[in-house]
N, C-alpha and C. Protein backbone atom coordinates (compact mmCIF):
# COMPACT_ATOMS: atom_id res chain seq x y z
N MET A 1 0.82 -1.19 0.00
CA MET A 1 0.00 0.00 0.00
C MET A 1 0.87 1.26 0.00
N TYR A 2 1.96 1.20 0.72
CA TYR A 2 2.86 2.35 0.80
C TYR A 2 3.34 2.75 -0.59
N VAL A 3 3.69 1.77 -1.41
CA VAL A 3 4.19 2.06 -2.75
C VAL A 3 3.12 2.74 -3.59
N VAL A 4 1.90 2.28 -3.50
CA VAL A 4 0.79 2.88 -4.25
C VAL A 4 0.59 4.33 -3.80
N GLU A 5 0.59 4.57 -2.51
CA GLU A 5 0.42 5.93 -1.99
C GLU A 5 1.54 6.85 -2.47
N ARG A 6 2.80 6.39 -2.39
CA ARG A 6 3.93 7.23 -2.81
C ARG A 6 3.89 7.50 -4.31
N LEU A 7 3.53 6.48 -5.10
CA LEU A 7 3.45 6.66 -6.54
C LEU A 7 2.42 7.73 -6.89
N LEU A 8 1.26 7.66 -6.25
CA LEU A 8 0.21 8.64 -6.53
C LEU A 8 0.57 10.02 -5.99
N ASP A 9 1.31 10.07 -4.90
CA ASP A 9 1.78 11.37 -4.38
C ASP A 9 2.73 12.03 -5.38
N CYS A 10 3.63 11.24 -5.94
CA CYS A 10 4.65 11.78 -6.84
C CYS A 10 4.16 11.96 -8.27
N LEU A 11 3.24 11.11 -8.70
CA LEU A 11 2.77 11.14 -10.08
C LEU A 11 1.27 10.85 -10.10
N PRO A 12 0.46 11.85 -9.74
CA PRO A 12 -0.99 11.63 -9.62
C PRO A 12 -1.64 11.05 -10.87
N GLU A 13 -1.13 11.42 -12.04
CA GLU A 13 -1.75 10.92 -13.27
C GLU A 13 -1.47 9.44 -13.51
N SER A 14 -0.63 8.82 -12.68
CA SER A 14 -0.36 7.39 -12.84
C SER A 14 -1.60 6.54 -12.57
N SER A 15 -2.60 7.10 -11.91
CA SER A 15 -3.83 6.34 -11.67
C SER A 15 -4.61 6.11 -12.96
N GLU A 16 -4.28 6.84 -14.01
CA GLU A 16 -5.00 6.72 -15.28
C GLU A 16 -4.17 6.11 -16.41
N ILE A 17 -2.91 5.78 -16.13
CA ILE A 17 -2.06 5.16 -17.15
C ILE A 17 -2.65 3.80 -17.50
N LYS A 18 -2.59 3.45 -18.79
CA LYS A 18 -3.18 2.19 -19.25
C LYS A 18 -2.12 1.25 -19.79
N THR A 19 -2.37 -0.04 -19.61
CA THR A 19 -1.51 -1.06 -20.20
C THR A 19 -1.76 -1.11 -21.70
N ASN A 20 -0.99 -1.92 -22.41
CA ASN A 20 -1.20 -2.08 -23.86
C ASN A 20 -2.60 -2.57 -24.19
N LYS A 21 -3.22 -3.29 -23.27
CA LYS A 21 -4.58 -3.80 -23.50
C LYS A 21 -5.65 -2.85 -22.95
N GLY A 22 -5.25 -1.70 -22.41
CA GLY A 22 -6.20 -0.70 -21.96
C GLY A 22 -6.61 -0.76 -20.50
N SER A 23 -5.95 -1.60 -19.71
CA SER A 23 -6.29 -1.71 -18.29
C SER A 23 -5.63 -0.60 -17.47
N THR A 24 -6.40 -0.01 -16.57
CA THR A 24 -5.87 0.99 -15.64
C THR A 24 -5.36 0.26 -14.39
N PRO A 25 -4.64 0.96 -13.50
CA PRO A 25 -4.20 0.32 -12.26
C PRO A 25 -5.36 -0.26 -11.45
N LEU A 26 -6.50 0.41 -11.46
CA LEU A 26 -7.66 -0.08 -10.72
C LEU A 26 -8.15 -1.40 -11.32
N ILE A 27 -8.21 -1.48 -12.63
CA ILE A 27 -8.63 -2.73 -13.28
C ILE A 27 -7.64 -3.84 -12.96
N CYS A 28 -6.34 -3.54 -13.03
CA CYS A 28 -5.32 -4.55 -12.71
C CYS A 28 -5.44 -5.02 -11.27
N ALA A 29 -5.68 -4.09 -10.36
CA ALA A 29 -5.83 -4.47 -8.95
C ALA A 29 -7.03 -5.38 -8.75
N ARG A 30 -8.12 -5.09 -9.45
CA ARG A 30 -9.32 -5.93 -9.34
C ARG A 30 -9.08 -7.33 -9.89
N LYS A 31 -8.22 -7.45 -10.88
CA LYS A 31 -7.90 -8.76 -11.46
C LYS A 31 -6.86 -9.51 -10.63
N GLY A 32 -6.18 -8.80 -9.74
CA GLY A 32 -5.03 -9.35 -9.02
C GLY A 32 -5.32 -10.36 -7.94
N GLY A 33 -6.50 -10.39 -7.43
CA GLY A 33 -6.81 -11.33 -6.35
C GLY A 33 -7.81 -10.76 -5.38
N ASP A 34 -8.13 -11.56 -4.38
CA ASP A 34 -9.13 -11.10 -3.41
C ASP A 34 -8.59 -11.11 -1.98
N SER A 35 -7.26 -10.98 -1.85
CA SER A 35 -6.68 -10.89 -0.51
C SER A 35 -7.04 -9.53 0.09
N GLN A 36 -6.84 -9.39 1.37
CA GLN A 36 -7.14 -8.12 2.03
C GLN A 36 -6.26 -7.00 1.47
N ARG A 37 -5.03 -7.33 1.14
CA ARG A 37 -4.12 -6.32 0.56
C ARG A 37 -4.68 -5.80 -0.76
N HIS A 38 -5.18 -6.71 -1.62
CA HIS A 38 -5.78 -6.29 -2.88
C HIS A 38 -7.03 -5.44 -2.63
N LYS A 39 -7.84 -5.85 -1.68
CA LYS A 39 -9.05 -5.09 -1.36
C LYS A 39 -8.71 -3.69 -0.88
N ASP A 40 -7.66 -3.58 -0.06
CA ASP A 40 -7.23 -2.27 0.43
C ASP A 40 -6.74 -1.37 -0.72
N ILE A 41 -5.97 -1.95 -1.63
CA ILE A 41 -5.46 -1.18 -2.77
C ILE A 41 -6.61 -0.75 -3.67
N ILE A 42 -7.55 -1.65 -3.93
CA ILE A 42 -8.71 -1.33 -4.76
C ILE A 42 -9.50 -0.19 -4.14
N GLU A 43 -9.75 -0.27 -2.84
CA GLU A 43 -10.50 0.78 -2.15
C GLU A 43 -9.75 2.11 -2.21
N TYR A 44 -8.44 2.07 -1.98
CA TYR A 44 -7.63 3.29 -2.01
C TYR A 44 -7.66 3.92 -3.40
N LEU A 45 -7.41 3.10 -4.44
CA LEU A 45 -7.42 3.62 -5.81
C LEU A 45 -8.78 4.17 -6.20
N ASP A 46 -9.82 3.45 -5.84
CA ASP A 46 -11.18 3.88 -6.17
C ASP A 46 -11.47 5.24 -5.53
N ASN A 47 -11.15 5.39 -4.25
CA ASN A 47 -11.37 6.66 -3.55
C ASN A 47 -10.50 7.76 -4.12
N TYR A 48 -9.26 7.44 -4.44
CA TYR A 48 -8.33 8.43 -5.00
C TYR A 48 -8.84 8.96 -6.33
N ILE A 49 -9.23 8.05 -7.21
CA ILE A 49 -9.71 8.44 -8.54
C ILE A 49 -10.99 9.27 -8.42
N GLN A 50 -11.87 8.86 -7.55
CA GLN A 50 -13.13 9.61 -7.36
C GLN A 50 -12.83 11.02 -6.87
N LYS A 51 -11.92 11.16 -5.91
CA LYS A 51 -11.58 12.49 -5.39
C LYS A 51 -10.91 13.33 -6.46
N GLN A 52 -10.02 12.73 -7.25
CA GLN A 52 -9.37 13.47 -8.34
C GLN A 52 -10.40 13.99 -9.33
N GLN A 53 -11.38 13.17 -9.68
CA GLN A 53 -12.41 13.58 -10.62
C GLN A 53 -13.26 14.71 -10.04
N GLU A 54 -13.59 14.61 -8.76
CA GLU A 54 -14.38 15.67 -8.12
C GLU A 54 -13.59 16.97 -8.07
N ASP A 55 -12.31 16.89 -7.70
CA ASP A 55 -11.46 18.08 -7.61
C ASP A 55 -11.30 18.73 -8.98
N THR A 56 -11.07 17.91 -10.00
CA THR A 56 -10.87 18.43 -11.35
C THR A 56 -12.14 19.08 -11.88
N SER A 57 -13.29 18.43 -11.68
CA SER A 57 -14.51 19.02 -12.21
C SER A 57 -14.88 20.30 -11.48
N SER A 58 -14.60 20.41 -10.20
CA SER A 58 -14.92 21.65 -9.51
C SER A 58 -13.99 22.77 -9.96
N LEU A 59 -12.73 22.47 -10.25
CA LEU A 59 -11.81 23.50 -10.73
C LEU A 59 -12.12 23.89 -12.17
N ILE A 60 -12.48 22.93 -13.00
CA ILE A 60 -12.81 23.24 -14.39
C ILE A 60 -14.05 24.11 -14.45
N SER A 61 -15.01 23.87 -13.56
CA SER A 61 -16.24 24.65 -13.60
C SER A 61 -16.01 26.12 -13.29
N VAL A 62 -14.93 26.45 -12.59
CA VAL A 62 -14.63 27.85 -12.33
C VAL A 62 -13.48 28.35 -13.21
N GLY A 63 -13.00 27.50 -14.13
CA GLY A 63 -12.01 27.91 -15.10
C GLY A 63 -10.58 27.96 -14.61
N LYS A 64 -10.24 27.28 -13.52
CA LYS A 64 -8.88 27.32 -12.99
C LYS A 64 -8.08 26.12 -13.50
N VAL A 65 -7.77 26.14 -14.78
CA VAL A 65 -7.02 25.05 -15.38
C VAL A 65 -5.88 25.65 -16.18
N ASP A 66 -4.67 25.04 -16.09
CA ASP A 66 -3.55 25.58 -16.84
C ASP A 66 -3.59 25.12 -18.29
N ASN A 67 -2.56 25.44 -19.06
CA ASN A 67 -2.60 25.20 -20.50
C ASN A 67 -2.48 23.73 -20.91
N VAL A 68 -2.19 22.81 -20.00
CA VAL A 68 -2.17 21.39 -20.36
C VAL A 68 -3.36 20.66 -19.77
N GLY A 69 -4.30 21.38 -19.22
CA GLY A 69 -5.51 20.76 -18.71
C GLY A 69 -5.44 20.29 -17.28
N MET A 70 -4.32 20.53 -16.59
CA MET A 70 -4.20 20.10 -15.20
C MET A 70 -4.58 21.28 -14.30
N PRO A 71 -5.33 21.00 -13.27
CA PRO A 71 -5.70 22.07 -12.35
C PRO A 71 -4.47 22.70 -11.70
N VAL A 72 -4.39 23.99 -11.74
CA VAL A 72 -3.26 24.71 -11.18
C VAL A 72 -3.19 24.51 -9.68
N VAL A 73 -4.31 24.55 -9.01
CA VAL A 73 -4.35 24.41 -7.56
C VAL A 73 -3.85 23.04 -7.11
N MET A 74 -4.11 22.01 -7.90
CA MET A 74 -3.70 20.66 -7.51
C MET A 74 -2.19 20.55 -7.35
N SER A 75 -1.42 21.18 -8.22
CA SER A 75 0.03 21.06 -8.12
C SER A 75 0.54 21.67 -6.82
N SER A 76 -0.04 22.78 -6.39
CA SER A 76 0.42 23.38 -5.15
C SER A 76 -0.02 22.57 -3.93
N ILE A 77 -1.21 22.00 -3.99
CA ILE A 77 -1.67 21.14 -2.89
C ILE A 77 -0.80 19.91 -2.83
N HIS A 78 -0.53 19.29 -3.98
CA HIS A 78 0.29 18.10 -4.03
C HIS A 78 1.68 18.38 -3.47
N HIS A 79 2.29 19.49 -3.87
CA HIS A 79 3.63 19.83 -3.42
C HIS A 79 3.69 19.95 -1.89
N ARG A 80 2.76 20.68 -1.31
CA ARG A 80 2.74 20.81 0.15
C ARG A 80 2.46 19.49 0.81
N HIS A 81 1.56 18.69 0.24
CA HIS A 81 1.16 17.41 0.84
C HIS A 81 2.35 16.45 0.90
N VAL A 82 3.10 16.36 -0.17
CA VAL A 82 4.24 15.43 -0.22
C VAL A 82 5.29 15.83 0.79
N HIS A 83 5.62 17.13 0.85
CA HIS A 83 6.67 17.56 1.76
C HIS A 83 6.22 17.56 3.21
N ALA A 84 4.95 17.73 3.46
CA ALA A 84 4.45 17.67 4.82
C ALA A 84 4.56 16.25 5.37
N ARG A 85 4.46 15.26 4.48
CA ARG A 85 4.53 13.86 4.91
C ARG A 85 5.97 13.36 4.95
N GLY A 86 6.89 14.18 4.53
CA GLY A 86 8.30 13.80 4.59
C GLY A 86 8.73 12.88 3.47
N ALA A 87 8.01 12.89 2.36
CA ALA A 87 8.37 12.00 1.25
C ALA A 87 9.54 12.53 0.48
């Protein structure tokens, strides 16, 4: 779980990267097994993706998006969040 959290902290868009067959990390986690560790990762990814979508749509609705489509506010929140956790 720690690796998943650190990866998403450092590269938030990694939650949407797809394999050659089109599977996202969430789809891969769901295919990976039904151990408690897999369930925890699935829940974490699902919540993370949902929050990212909510944050992005609220920022887009007020027009706060930079020239590559990423919310400007997210980068500053992410930066403070990573360093506050000592990553």
